[in-house]
Amino acid sequence: MAQTWRVEQAMTILDRYLLRELAGAWLIGLAVFSGFLMVGEVLRKSIELLFELHAPASEVFRWVLLALPYIVVWSIPITTLFSVVMTIGRMSHDLEITALLATGISFQRLLFPIGGLSLLVSFLSFWLNAFVVPPTYGAADALLWKYRERVGVTTGLFIAEPPKSPRLILSANRFDPEKGELQDLWLLETMEKGERVYLEARKAVWKGNRWEFYNGFVQIIAPDKPMVRERFENLSRPTSLRPPTELSADKKRLAPNRLTLTALSAEIERMKKWDVPREVLTEYVVEWHNRFSMSLSCFVLAMLGAPIALKLRRGGGIAVGVSVVFFLLYYLVWNIGCQLGESGKVPAAIGSHLPNIIGLISVCVILVKLR
């Protein structure tokens, strides 16, 4: 009985020690990798706002604050991987792991505090990614867009009107308010008789009192009628889409990656009721799954990093290098999976979670070999 109590007390001390080491490395990693992203993303756009778009310094500072949650969310997965590789690598190098194994403590037992901390971090990442980042970075993007609009071409227009129950949805990659021109756009509109019109075009230009569409196709979905789809080089048709002078920058916030998880779920249901074409709907469905897959990546990368660090027996710069390489591989597979999901070649859930599926299978194989 006393011996069992001593073992449990020793394991509690070990868990606390591991958690303390992991937490310290995690905070260091968050500062390092957030700093890297700040230099690449935030600094570049801050310079654009301040010197090219001539925004006041207060607006630049506001943009940085709004963009900060986005930077933190993207830093969390690689930070979690780094903390595990750093901690286990150092303990292995200092023979602490060897000493623990000699006392009968399995390496699998060491994964309990690592898994617990990484799951906690996954929940934090999920909360930020689902409810904090979309509105804050959407506001940051809208702020940047507002100043870009003053000097001409801007990117990423998304409109849903009216917002709560839209009869018209528009997405365009580029928008030039001075020329009254949209590029690479799709438009979905419900007409008075219940018909739904889906239109894709390379370009749309405001002429006179209406939009002219070029090089695309129009698809009419009517109740109890066969679907009609026709290609066109030039199409002039009435639409409730407003003139370019009335398209405002705050509409940028309604892009799928700028919607909270709740709003995104509601938008997907609305699009299903509208019979939106699959190629449009899948973009939203994949984004919905991404909120979960990116959060789960913290746990998957942590479980992968621990046995790899055990083999490396190194910390420091090696930990940074290994973390960057593995995260880039994860990001590559994740991008491929998202592309496959959006194209309909695999289910959206499989495409979005592809790197997590591969990672968890790899963890199982590695742990079996370690026995």
Protein backbone atom coordinates (compact mmCIF):
# COMPACT_ATOMS: atom_id res chain seq x y z
CA MET A 1 0.00 0.00 0.00
CA ALA A 2 2.77 2.42 0.98
CA GLN A 3 4.76 1.46 -2.11
CA THR A 4 1.75 2.14 -4.36
CA TRP A 5 1.31 5.55 -2.73
CA ARG A 6 5.00 6.38 -3.32
CA VAL A 7 4.71 5.40 -7.00
CA GLU A 8 1.62 7.57 -7.44
CA GLN A 9 3.34 10.48 -5.70
CA ALA A 10 6.40 10.05 -7.91
CA MET A 11 4.23 10.05 -11.04
CA THR A 12 2.48 13.22 -9.86
CA ILE A 13 5.84 14.92 -9.35
CA LEU A 14 6.97 13.72 -12.78
CA ASP A 15 3.78 15.02 -14.42
CA ARG A 16 4.23 18.41 -12.79
CA TYR A 17 7.85 18.53 -13.86
CA LEU A 18 6.98 17.69 -17.46
CA LEU A 19 4.13 20.19 -17.55
CA ARG A 20 6.37 22.93 -16.15
CA GLU A 21 9.05 22.23 -18.75
CA LEU A 22 6.51 22.05 -21.57
CA ALA A 23 4.78 25.27 -20.49
CA GLY A 24 8.07 27.18 -20.37
CA ALA A 25 9.10 25.93 -23.83
CA TRP A 26 5.58 26.66 -25.15
CA LEU A 27 5.70 30.30 -24.06
CA ILE A 28 9.16 30.71 -25.62
CA GLY A 29 7.95 29.10 -28.85
CA LEU A 30 4.84 31.28 -28.98
CA ALA A 31 6.98 34.41 -28.72
CA VAL A 32 9.45 33.17 -31.36
CA PHE A 33 6.97 31.95 -33.97
CA SER A 34 4.51 34.79 -33.44
CA GLY A 35 7.45 37.13 -33.96
CA PHE A 36 8.30 35.39 -37.25
CA LEU A 37 4.71 35.81 -38.48
CA MET A 38 4.58 39.39 -37.25
CA VAL A 39 7.61 40.22 -39.37
CA GLY A 40 6.21 38.51 -42.45
CA GLU A 41 2.51 39.35 -42.32
CA VAL A 42 1.95 42.26 -39.95
CA LEU A 43 5.05 44.29 -40.71
CA ARG A 44 4.50 44.10 -44.46
CA LYS A 45 0.89 45.27 -44.28
CA SER A 46 1.67 47.86 -41.60
CA ILE A 47 4.28 49.39 -43.90
CA GLU A 48 1.74 49.35 -46.74
CA LEU A 49 -0.85 51.10 -44.55
CA LEU A 50 1.56 53.72 -43.22
CA PHE A 51 3.68 54.59 -46.25
CA GLU A 52 1.74 53.51 -49.36
CA LEU A 53 -1.84 54.10 -48.24
CA HIS A 54 -0.98 57.03 -45.90
CA ALA A 55 -3.11 55.79 -43.01
CA PRO A 56 -2.68 57.53 -39.62
CA ALA A 57 -0.40 55.81 -37.09
CA SER A 58 -3.41 55.20 -34.81
CA GLU A 59 -5.12 53.23 -37.59
CA VAL A 60 -1.97 51.17 -38.18
CA PHE A 61 -1.78 50.37 -34.47
CA ARG A 62 -5.47 49.41 -34.49
CA TRP A 63 -4.87 47.11 -37.46
CA VAL A 64 -1.99 45.38 -35.62
CA LEU A 65 -4.17 44.78 -32.54
CA LEU A 66 -6.99 43.36 -34.68
CA ALA A 67 -4.57 41.07 -36.55
CA LEU A 68 -2.86 39.77 -33.40
CA PRO A 69 -5.35 36.92 -32.65
CA TYR A 70 -4.87 35.64 -36.20
CA ILE A 71 -1.09 35.58 -35.72
CA VAL A 72 -1.42 33.77 -32.40
CA VAL A 73 -3.77 31.11 -33.81
CA TRP A 74 -1.38 30.28 -36.65
CA SER A 75 1.53 30.13 -34.19
CA ILE A 76 -0.13 27.75 -31.73
CA PRO A 77 0.26 24.42 -33.65
CA ILE A 78 3.95 24.89 -34.44
CA THR A 79 4.53 26.25 -30.91
CA THR A 80 2.99 23.10 -29.40
CA LEU A 81 5.18 20.90 -31.60
CA PHE A 82 8.25 22.96 -30.70
CA SER A 83 7.61 22.72 -26.94
CA VAL A 84 7.34 18.93 -27.08
CA VAL A 85 10.41 18.46 -29.30
CA MET A 86 12.40 20.90 -27.18
CA THR A 87 11.44 19.33 -23.85
CA ILE A 88 11.71 15.63 -24.79
CA GLY A 89 14.85 16.28 -26.84
CA ARG A 90 16.59 17.98 -23.91
CA MET A 91 15.49 15.30 -21.43
CA SER A 92 16.70 12.58 -23.76
CA HIS A 93 20.04 14.34 -24.31
CA ASP A 94 20.53 14.75 -20.54
CA LEU A 95 19.69 11.04 -20.04
CA GLU A 96 16.63 11.89 -17.96
CA ILE A 97 14.46 9.75 -20.24
CA THR A 98 16.94 6.89 -19.91
CA ALA A 99 16.79 7.14 -16.11
CA LEU A 100 12.98 7.12 -16.15
CA LEU A 101 12.86 4.10 -18.43
CA ALA A 102 15.35 2.29 -16.13
CA THR A 103 12.95 2.75 -13.20
CA GLY A 104 10.18 1.03 -15.14
CA ILE A 105 8.29 4.09 -16.36
CA SER A 106 7.31 3.56 -20.00
CA PHE A 107 7.66 6.24 -22.62
CA GLN A 108 3.94 5.85 -23.33
CA ARG A 109 3.28 6.98 -19.73
CA LEU A 110 5.19 10.18 -20.42
CA LEU A 111 2.71 10.97 -23.17
CA PHE A 112 -0.13 11.46 -20.67
CA PRO A 113 0.87 14.98 -19.51
CA ILE A 114 1.95 15.83 -23.07
CA GLY A 115 -1.41 14.73 -24.46
CA GLY A 116 -3.32 16.52 -21.70
CA LEU A 117 -1.54 19.82 -22.28
CA SER A 118 -1.85 19.57 -26.07
CA LEU A 119 -5.59 18.88 -25.78
CA LEU A 120 -5.96 21.95 -23.57
CA VAL A 121 -4.09 23.99 -26.16
CA SER A 122 -6.32 22.49 -28.89
CA PHE A 123 -9.42 23.76 -27.07
CA LEU A 124 -7.83 27.22 -26.78
CA SER A 125 -6.99 27.16 -30.49
CA PHE A 126 -10.52 26.06 -31.36
CA TRP A 127 -12.12 28.87 -29.35
CA LEU A 128 -9.87 31.49 -30.93
CA ASN A 129 -10.26 30.08 -34.44
CA ALA A 130 -14.04 29.63 -34.22
CA PHE A 131 -15.15 32.78 -32.42
CA VAL A 132 -12.34 35.34 -31.98
CA VAL A 133 -10.24 35.40 -35.16
CA PRO A 134 -13.06 35.68 -37.78
CA PRO A 135 -14.51 38.98 -36.52
CA THR A 136 -11.18 40.53 -35.46
CA TYR A 137 -9.23 39.69 -38.59
CA GLY A 138 -12.30 40.46 -40.67
CA ALA A 139 -12.30 43.94 -39.14
CA ALA A 140 -8.54 44.23 -39.77
CA ASP A 141 -9.05 43.20 -43.39
CA ALA A 142 -11.91 45.66 -43.82
CA LEU A 143 -9.73 48.44 -42.39
CA LEU A 144 -6.94 47.65 -44.83
CA TRP A 145 -9.43 47.37 -47.67
CA LYS A 146 -10.90 50.77 -46.85
CA TYR A 147 -7.55 52.49 -47.41
CA ARG A 148 -6.70 50.39 -50.47
CA GLU A 149 -10.04 51.39 -51.97
CA ARG A 150 -8.99 55.04 -51.87
CA VAL A 151 -6.09 54.38 -54.23
CA GLY A 152 -7.88 52.03 -56.63
CA VAL A 153 -8.01 48.24 -56.94
CA THR A 154 -8.79 46.08 -53.93
CA THR A 155 -9.36 42.37 -53.40
CA GLY A 156 -11.81 39.95 -51.90
CA LEU A 157 -15.29 41.48 -52.19
CA PHE A 158 -18.09 39.41 -50.63
CA ILE A 159 -21.71 40.61 -50.36
CA ALA A 160 -24.84 38.99 -48.97
CA GLU A 161 -28.01 41.10 -49.11
CA PRO A 162 -30.01 41.37 -46.98
CA PRO A 163 -27.51 40.00 -44.40
CA LYS A 164 -29.87 37.76 -42.36
CA SER A 165 -31.79 36.21 -45.24
CA PRO A 166 -29.96 37.15 -48.44
CA ARG A 167 -31.59 37.03 -51.83
CA LEU A 168 -28.29 37.94 -53.47
CA ILE A 169 -24.77 36.65 -52.76
CA LEU A 170 -21.72 37.95 -54.64
CA SER A 171 -18.06 36.99 -54.43
CA ALA A 172 -15.32 38.67 -56.50
CA ASN A 173 -11.53 38.32 -56.33
CA ARG A 174 -10.84 41.91 -57.40
CA PHE A 175 -12.83 45.13 -57.32
CA ASP A 176 -11.92 48.46 -58.86
CA PRO A 177 -14.46 51.07 -57.65
CA GLU A 178 -13.11 53.81 -59.94
CA LYS A 179 -13.53 51.73 -63.10
CA GLY A 180 -16.68 50.04 -61.79
CA GLU A 181 -15.16 46.63 -62.52
CA LEU A 182 -15.33 43.22 -60.82
CA GLN A 183 -13.02 40.34 -61.76
CA ASP A 184 -13.30 36.56 -61.26
CA LEU A 185 -16.75 36.63 -59.72
CA TRP A 186 -19.73 34.45 -58.99
CA LEU A 187 -23.24 35.65 -58.19
CA LEU A 188 -26.26 33.81 -56.80
CA GLU A 189 -29.64 35.54 -56.87
CA THR A 190 -33.22 34.50 -56.08
CA MET A 191 -35.76 36.03 -58.44
CA GLU A 192 -39.36 37.02 -57.64
CA LYS A 193 -40.85 33.82 -59.09
CA GLY A 194 -38.58 31.62 -56.98
CA GLU A 195 -36.03 30.98 -59.71
CA ARG A 196 -32.39 30.92 -58.65
CA VAL A 197 -29.77 32.31 -61.00
CA TYR A 198 -26.14 31.29 -60.56
CA LEU A 199 -23.63 33.20 -62.68
CA GLU A 200 -19.85 32.98 -63.04
CA ALA A 201 -17.83 35.46 -65.10
CA ARG A 202 -14.24 36.53 -65.63
CA LYS A 203 -15.27 40.17 -65.46
CA ALA A 204 -18.24 42.45 -64.82
CA VAL A 205 -18.33 46.16 -65.73
CA TRP A 206 -20.89 48.78 -64.66
CA LYS A 207 -22.23 50.46 -67.82
CA GLY A 208 -25.01 53.00 -67.72
CA ASN A 209 -27.41 51.60 -65.15
CA ARG A 210 -26.55 47.89 -65.13
CA TRP A 211 -23.74 45.34 -64.89
CA GLU A 212 -22.30 43.77 -68.05
CA PHE A 213 -20.82 40.28 -67.58
CA TYR A 214 -18.05 38.78 -69.76
CA ASN A 215 -16.75 35.26 -70.44
CA GLY A 216 -18.66 32.92 -68.17
CA PHE A 217 -21.82 30.89 -67.78
CA VAL A 218 -25.27 31.36 -66.27
CA GLN A 219 -27.27 28.59 -64.65
CA ILE A 220 -31.01 28.89 -63.95
CA ILE A 221 -32.55 26.66 -61.29
CA ALA A 222 -36.36 26.76 -61.37
CA PRO A 223 -38.86 24.70 -59.34
CA ASP A 224 -40.17 21.67 -61.26
CA LYS A 225 -38.13 22.53 -64.35
CA PRO A 226 -34.91 21.11 -65.83
CA MET A 227 -31.80 23.07 -64.92
CA VAL A 228 -30.60 25.32 -67.75
CA ARG A 229 -26.92 26.22 -68.12
CA GLU A 230 -25.54 28.43 -70.90
CA ARG A 231 -22.13 29.91 -71.62
CA PHE A 232 -21.69 33.48 -72.81
CA GLU A 233 -19.04 35.93 -73.95
CA ASN A 234 -21.07 39.02 -73.16
CA LEU A 235 -24.22 39.09 -71.06
CA SER A 236 -26.32 42.10 -70.07
CA ARG A 237 -29.08 41.26 -67.63
CA PRO A 238 -30.95 43.08 -64.83
CA THR A 239 -29.81 42.25 -61.31
CA SER A 240 -30.37 43.69 -57.84
CA LEU A 241 -26.60 44.06 -57.39
CA ARG A 242 -25.95 47.69 -56.47
CA PRO A 243 -23.71 50.05 -58.49
CA PRO A 244 -19.99 50.14 -57.60
CA THR A 245 -20.24 53.45 -55.76
CA GLU A 246 -22.49 51.79 -53.15
CA LEU A 247 -20.34 48.72 -52.48
CA SER A 248 -18.70 49.33 -49.10
CA ALA A 249 -15.57 47.88 -47.51
CA ASP A 250 -17.34 46.33 -44.53
CA LYS A 251 -18.86 43.70 -46.80
CA LYS A 252 -15.48 41.99 -46.77
CA ARG A 253 -16.28 40.59 -43.35
CA LEU A 254 -18.81 38.08 -44.77
CA ALA A 255 -16.22 35.93 -46.57
CA PRO A 256 -16.34 32.32 -45.28
CA ASN A 257 -13.10 32.55 -43.29
CA ARG A 258 -14.39 35.79 -41.70
CA LEU A 259 -17.53 34.16 -40.25
CA THR A 260 -17.69 32.76 -36.73
CA LEU A 261 -18.44 29.04 -36.52
CA THR A 262 -22.07 29.76 -35.62
CA ALA A 263 -22.53 32.19 -38.52
CA LEU A 264 -20.70 29.84 -40.89
CA SER A 265 -23.02 26.96 -39.93
CA ALA A 266 -26.05 29.16 -40.57
CA GLU A 267 -24.64 30.27 -43.93
CA ILE A 268 -24.10 26.66 -45.01
CA GLU A 269 -27.69 25.76 -44.11
CA ARG A 270 -28.95 28.80 -46.00
CA MET A 271 -26.91 27.88 -49.08
CA LYS A 272 -28.25 24.33 -48.98
CA LYS A 273 -31.80 25.69 -48.99
CA TRP A 274 -30.84 27.86 -51.94
CA ASP A 275 -29.53 24.84 -53.88
CA VAL A 276 -26.20 26.59 -54.29
CA PRO A 277 -23.93 24.80 -56.83
CA ARG A 278 -21.61 22.27 -55.20
CA GLU A 279 -18.39 24.10 -56.13
CA VAL A 280 -19.55 27.12 -54.10
CA LEU A 281 -20.98 25.22 -51.14
CA THR A 282 -17.93 22.98 -50.65
CA GLU A 283 -15.71 26.02 -49.99
CA TYR A 284 -17.84 26.84 -46.95
CA VAL A 285 -18.09 23.22 -45.78
CA VAL A 286 -14.30 22.77 -45.98
CA GLU A 287 -13.83 26.01 -44.03
CA TRP A 288 -16.23 24.69 -41.37
CA HIS A 289 -14.17 21.51 -40.97
CA ASN A 290 -10.93 23.53 -40.95
CA ARG A 291 -11.96 25.16 -37.66
CA PHE A 292 -11.75 21.72 -36.06
CA SER A 293 -8.82 20.28 -38.03
CA MET A 294 -6.45 23.17 -37.30
CA SER A 295 -7.26 22.93 -33.58
CA LEU A 296 -6.79 19.15 -33.51
CA SER A 297 -3.41 19.63 -35.21
CA CYS A 298 -1.97 20.76 -31.85
CA PHE A 299 -2.63 17.33 -30.35
CA VAL A 300 -1.52 15.41 -33.46
CA LEU A 301 1.75 17.34 -33.84
CA ALA A 302 2.52 16.97 -30.12
CA MET A 303 2.04 13.19 -30.28
CA LEU A 304 4.25 13.04 -33.36
CA GLY A 305 6.93 15.30 -31.90
CA ALA A 306 7.52 13.30 -28.71
CA PRO A 307 8.85 10.04 -30.25
CA ILE A 308 10.77 11.96 -32.92
CA ALA A 309 12.51 14.06 -30.24
CA LEU A 310 13.36 10.86 -28.35
CA LYS A 311 15.29 9.65 -31.37
CA LEU A 312 16.98 13.00 -32.04
CA ARG A 313 18.21 13.51 -28.46
CA ARG A 314 18.60 17.22 -29.15
CA GLY A 315 16.94 20.48 -28.14
CA GLY A 316 17.70 24.10 -28.99
CA GLY A 317 18.15 24.97 -32.66
CA ILE A 318 17.47 21.39 -33.75
CA ALA A 319 14.04 21.61 -32.09
CA VAL A 320 13.23 24.78 -34.04
CA GLY A 321 14.35 23.22 -37.33
CA VAL A 322 12.44 19.99 -36.79
CA SER A 323 9.31 21.90 -35.76
CA VAL A 324 9.42 24.10 -38.87
CA VAL A 325 9.98 21.13 -41.22
CA PHE A 326 7.17 19.04 -39.75
CA PHE A 327 4.76 21.97 -39.66
CA LEU A 328 5.51 22.78 -43.31
CA LEU A 329 4.83 19.15 -44.22
CA TYR A 330 1.60 19.26 -42.24
CA TYR A 331 0.60 22.52 -43.93
CA LEU A 332 1.39 21.07 -47.38
CA VAL A 333 -0.76 17.98 -46.82
CA TRP A 334 -3.51 20.14 -45.32
CA ASN A 335 -3.54 22.39 -48.41
CA ILE A 336 -3.69 19.38 -50.72
CA GLY A 337 -6.55 17.93 -48.68
CA CYS A 338 -8.48 21.22 -48.78
CA GLN A 339 -8.06 21.43 -52.55
CA LEU A 340 -9.33 17.85 -52.93
CA GLY A 341 -12.27 18.62 -50.65
CA GLU A 342 -13.23 21.83 -52.44
CA SER A 343 -13.04 20.10 -55.83
CA GLY A 344 -15.31 17.30 -54.59
CA LYS A 345 -12.74 14.54 -55.20
CA VAL A 346 -12.91 13.54 -51.53
CA PRO A 347 -15.49 14.39 -48.81
CA ALA A 348 -14.84 17.75 -47.20
CA ALA A 349 -14.25 16.17 -43.77
CA ILE A 350 -11.60 13.80 -45.18
CA GLY A 351 -9.84 16.55 -47.13
CA SER A 352 -9.72 18.95 -44.22
CA HIS A 353 -8.57 16.31 -41.70
CA LEU A 354 -6.18 14.52 -44.08
CA PRO A 355 -2.96 15.54 -42.25
CA ASN A 356 -4.53 14.67 -38.88
CA ILE A 357 -5.56 11.23 -40.15
CA ILE A 358 -2.09 10.56 -41.55
CA GLY A 359 -0.49 11.95 -38.37
CA LEU A 360 -2.56 9.81 -35.98
CA ILE A 361 -1.84 6.66 -38.02
CA SER A 362 1.87 7.52 -37.90
CA VAL A 363 1.70 8.02 -34.12
CA CYS A 364 0.13 4.59 -33.65
CA VAL A 365 2.79 2.93 -35.82
CA ILE A 366 5.66 4.71 -34.04
CA LEU A 367 4.34 3.89 -30.54
CA VAL A 368 3.90 0.24 -31.44
CA LYS A 369 7.54 0.11 -32.59
CA LEU A 370 8.72 1.78 -29.40
CA ARG A 371 7.39 -1.01 -27.21
